[in-house]
């Protein structure tokens, strides 16, 4: 299975909202990003052993096979 290396999302109602956030593995202390679970939540695992769960109307993933 491919590994997610970048995850972009927006909590705004428009896809091209000015509030677009991005996480990259290896930057911003992000160790790993999981694919969405059955409820649509994405887990972003940080280096400090904390996990952030994100669910947004717009989500875009980049895997290692697309680099």
N, C-alpha and C. Protein backbone atom coordinates (compact mmCIF):
# COMPACT_ATOMS: atom_id res chain seq x y z
N UNK A 1 0.83 -1.17 0.00
CA UNK A 1 0.00 0.00 0.00
C UNK A 1 0.88 1.25 0.00
N UNK A 2 0.48 2.26 -0.75
CA UNK A 2 1.22 3.51 -0.80
C UNK A 2 1.12 4.26 0.53
N UNK A 3 2.16 5.01 0.84
CA UNK A 3 2.16 5.82 2.05
C UNK A 3 1.75 7.25 1.71
N UNK A 4 0.89 7.84 2.53
CA UNK A 4 0.52 9.24 2.33
C UNK A 4 1.66 10.11 2.82
N UNK A 5 2.16 10.99 1.96
CA UNK A 5 3.25 11.87 2.36
C UNK A 5 2.80 13.32 2.47
N UNK A 6 1.62 13.64 1.93
CA UNK A 6 1.10 14.99 2.02
C UNK A 6 -0.42 14.94 2.08
N UNK A 7 -1.00 15.79 2.92
CA UNK A 7 -2.44 15.82 3.12
C UNK A 7 -2.89 17.27 3.18
N UNK A 8 -3.81 17.64 2.30
CA UNK A 8 -4.32 19.00 2.22
C UNK A 8 -5.82 18.98 2.49
N UNK A 9 -6.30 19.95 3.26
CA UNK A 9 -7.74 19.97 3.55
C UNK A 9 -8.22 21.38 3.82
N UNK A 10 -9.53 21.58 3.70
CA UNK A 10 -10.15 22.86 3.98
C UNK A 10 -11.44 22.62 4.75
N UNK A 11 -11.64 23.40 5.79
CA UNK A 11 -12.88 23.32 6.55
C UNK A 11 -13.91 24.29 6.04
N UNK A 12 -13.57 25.06 5.02
CA UNK A 12 -14.50 26.03 4.46
C UNK A 12 -15.56 25.36 3.61
N UNK A 13 -16.59 26.10 3.29
CA UNK A 13 -17.68 25.53 2.49
C UNK A 13 -17.33 25.49 1.01
N UNK A 14 -16.32 26.23 0.60
CA UNK A 14 -15.91 26.24 -0.80
C UNK A 14 -14.62 25.45 -0.95
N UNK A 15 -14.51 24.74 -2.06
CA UNK A 15 -13.29 23.95 -2.30
C UNK A 15 -12.07 24.87 -2.40
N UNK A 16 -12.21 25.98 -3.07
CA UNK A 16 -11.07 26.89 -3.22
C UNK A 16 -11.14 27.97 -2.14
N UNK A 17 -11.28 27.55 -0.92
CA UNK A 17 -11.34 28.46 0.22
C UNK A 17 -9.94 28.96 0.55
N UNK A 18 -9.85 30.14 1.14
CA UNK A 18 -8.53 30.67 1.50
C UNK A 18 -7.94 29.93 2.70
N UNK A 19 -8.76 29.19 3.43
CA UNK A 19 -8.29 28.45 4.60
C UNK A 19 -7.94 27.02 4.24
N UNK A 20 -6.90 26.83 3.47
CA UNK A 20 -6.46 25.48 3.11
C UNK A 20 -5.24 25.14 3.96
N UNK A 21 -5.27 23.99 4.60
CA UNK A 21 -4.20 23.55 5.50
C UNK A 21 -3.50 22.35 4.87
N UNK A 22 -2.22 22.24 5.12
CA UNK A 22 -1.46 21.11 4.55
C UNK A 22 -0.52 20.54 5.59
N UNK A 23 -0.46 19.22 5.64
CA UNK A 23 0.50 18.50 6.47
C UNK A 23 1.39 17.67 5.56
N UNK A 24 2.68 17.63 5.85
CA UNK A 24 3.62 16.79 5.11
C UNK A 24 4.38 15.93 6.09
N UNK A 25 4.55 14.67 5.73
CA UNK A 25 5.33 13.76 6.57
C UNK A 25 6.78 14.24 6.58
N UNK A 26 7.35 14.34 7.77
CA UNK A 26 8.72 14.81 7.91
C UNK A 26 8.82 16.30 8.15
N UNK A 27 7.72 17.03 7.98
CA UNK A 27 7.71 18.47 8.26
C UNK A 27 6.65 18.74 9.30
N UNK A 28 6.80 19.83 10.03
CA UNK A 28 5.84 20.22 11.07
C UNK A 28 5.66 19.09 12.09
N UNK A 29 6.71 18.31 12.32
CA UNK A 29 6.69 17.22 13.31
C UNK A 29 5.65 16.15 13.01
N UNK A 30 5.31 15.95 11.74
CA UNK A 30 4.35 14.91 11.35
C UNK A 30 5.11 13.64 11.02
N UNK A 31 4.77 12.54 11.71
CA UNK A 31 5.45 11.27 11.51
C UNK A 31 4.73 10.37 10.50
N UNK A 32 3.39 10.44 10.49
CA UNK A 32 2.61 9.51 9.66
C UNK A 32 1.21 10.08 9.47
N UNK A 33 0.62 9.81 8.30
CA UNK A 33 -0.76 10.20 8.02
C UNK A 33 -1.51 8.95 7.55
N UNK A 34 -2.64 8.65 8.22
CA UNK A 34 -3.44 7.48 7.87
C UNK A 34 -4.53 7.82 6.86
N UNK A 35 -4.89 6.85 6.05
CA UNK A 35 -6.04 7.00 5.15
C UNK A 35 -7.30 7.18 5.98
N UNK A 36 -8.34 7.79 5.43
CA UNK A 36 -9.58 7.99 6.20
C UNK A 36 -10.17 6.66 6.69
N UNK A 37 -10.73 6.69 7.90
CA UNK A 37 -11.39 5.50 8.44
C UNK A 37 -12.82 5.43 7.91
N UNK A 38 -13.59 4.49 8.40
CA UNK A 38 -14.95 4.28 7.90
C UNK A 38 -15.88 5.45 8.18
N UNK A 39 -15.50 6.33 9.11
CA UNK A 39 -16.31 7.52 9.41
C UNK A 39 -15.80 8.77 8.70
N UNK A 40 -14.75 8.63 7.89
CA UNK A 40 -14.22 9.76 7.12
C UNK A 40 -13.20 10.60 7.85
N UNK A 41 -12.68 10.12 8.99
CA UNK A 41 -11.66 10.87 9.74
C UNK A 41 -10.27 10.44 9.31
N UNK A 42 -9.38 11.41 9.17
CA UNK A 42 -7.98 11.18 8.85
C UNK A 42 -7.17 11.38 10.13
N UNK A 43 -6.27 10.47 10.43
CA UNK A 43 -5.42 10.61 11.62
C UNK A 43 -4.05 11.12 11.19
N UNK A 44 -3.63 12.22 11.80
CA UNK A 44 -2.30 12.79 11.58
C UNK A 44 -1.50 12.54 12.85
N UNK A 45 -0.50 11.66 12.76
CA UNK A 45 0.32 11.28 13.91
C UNK A 45 1.54 12.21 13.98
N UNK A 46 1.71 12.85 15.12
CA UNK A 46 2.82 13.79 15.30
C UNK A 46 3.98 13.10 16.02
N UNK A 47 5.17 13.70 15.92
CA UNK A 47 6.36 13.14 16.57
C UNK A 47 6.26 13.14 18.09
N UNK A 48 5.40 13.96 18.66
CA UNK A 48 5.28 14.05 20.11
C UNK A 48 4.25 13.06 20.67
N UNK A 49 3.96 12.01 19.90
CA UNK A 49 3.01 10.95 20.28
C UNK A 49 1.57 11.44 20.40
N UNK A 50 1.26 12.59 19.82
CA UNK A 50 -0.12 13.08 19.79
C UNK A 50 -0.69 12.81 18.41
N UNK A 51 -2.00 12.59 18.36
CA UNK A 51 -2.68 12.32 17.10
C UNK A 51 -3.81 13.31 16.93
N UNK A 52 -3.90 13.91 15.74
CA UNK A 52 -4.97 14.84 15.42
C UNK A 52 -5.90 14.16 14.42
N UNK A 53 -7.20 14.19 14.70
CA UNK A 53 -8.18 13.58 13.80
C UNK A 53 -8.90 14.69 13.05
N UNK A 54 -8.93 14.58 11.73
CA UNK A 54 -9.48 15.64 10.88
C UNK A 54 -10.53 15.06 9.96
N UNK A 55 -11.66 15.76 9.87
CA UNK A 55 -12.70 15.42 8.89
C UNK A 55 -13.11 16.74 8.25
N UNK A 56 -13.03 16.83 6.95
CA UNK A 56 -13.30 18.09 6.26
C UNK A 56 -14.03 17.83 4.95
N UNK A 57 -14.76 18.84 4.43
CA UNK A 57 -15.48 18.67 3.18
C UNK A 57 -14.54 18.53 1.98
N UNK A 58 -13.33 19.10 2.08
CA UNK A 58 -12.36 19.00 0.99
C UNK A 58 -11.10 18.37 1.54
N UNK A 59 -10.67 17.24 0.94
CA UNK A 59 -9.44 16.58 1.35
C UNK A 59 -8.70 16.09 0.11
N UNK A 60 -7.39 16.29 0.09
CA UNK A 60 -6.55 15.85 -1.03
C UNK A 60 -5.32 15.16 -0.46
N UNK A 61 -4.99 14.01 -1.03
CA UNK A 61 -3.84 13.24 -0.56
C UNK A 61 -2.79 13.13 -1.66
N UNK A 62 -1.54 13.07 -1.25
CA UNK A 62 -0.45 12.78 -2.19
C UNK A 62 0.31 11.60 -1.59
N UNK A 63 0.50 10.55 -2.39
CA UNK A 63 1.20 9.36 -1.92
C UNK A 63 2.61 9.33 -2.49
N UNK A 64 3.43 8.43 -1.94
CA UNK A 64 4.82 8.32 -2.40
C UNK A 64 4.92 7.89 -3.85
N UNK A 65 3.89 7.26 -4.40
CA UNK A 65 3.95 6.84 -5.80
C UNK A 65 3.67 7.99 -6.77
N UNK A 66 3.21 9.14 -6.25
CA UNK A 66 2.92 10.31 -7.09
C UNK A 66 4.02 11.35 -7.05
N UNK A 67 5.13 11.03 -6.41
CA UNK A 67 6.22 12.01 -6.29
C UNK A 67 7.15 11.90 -7.46
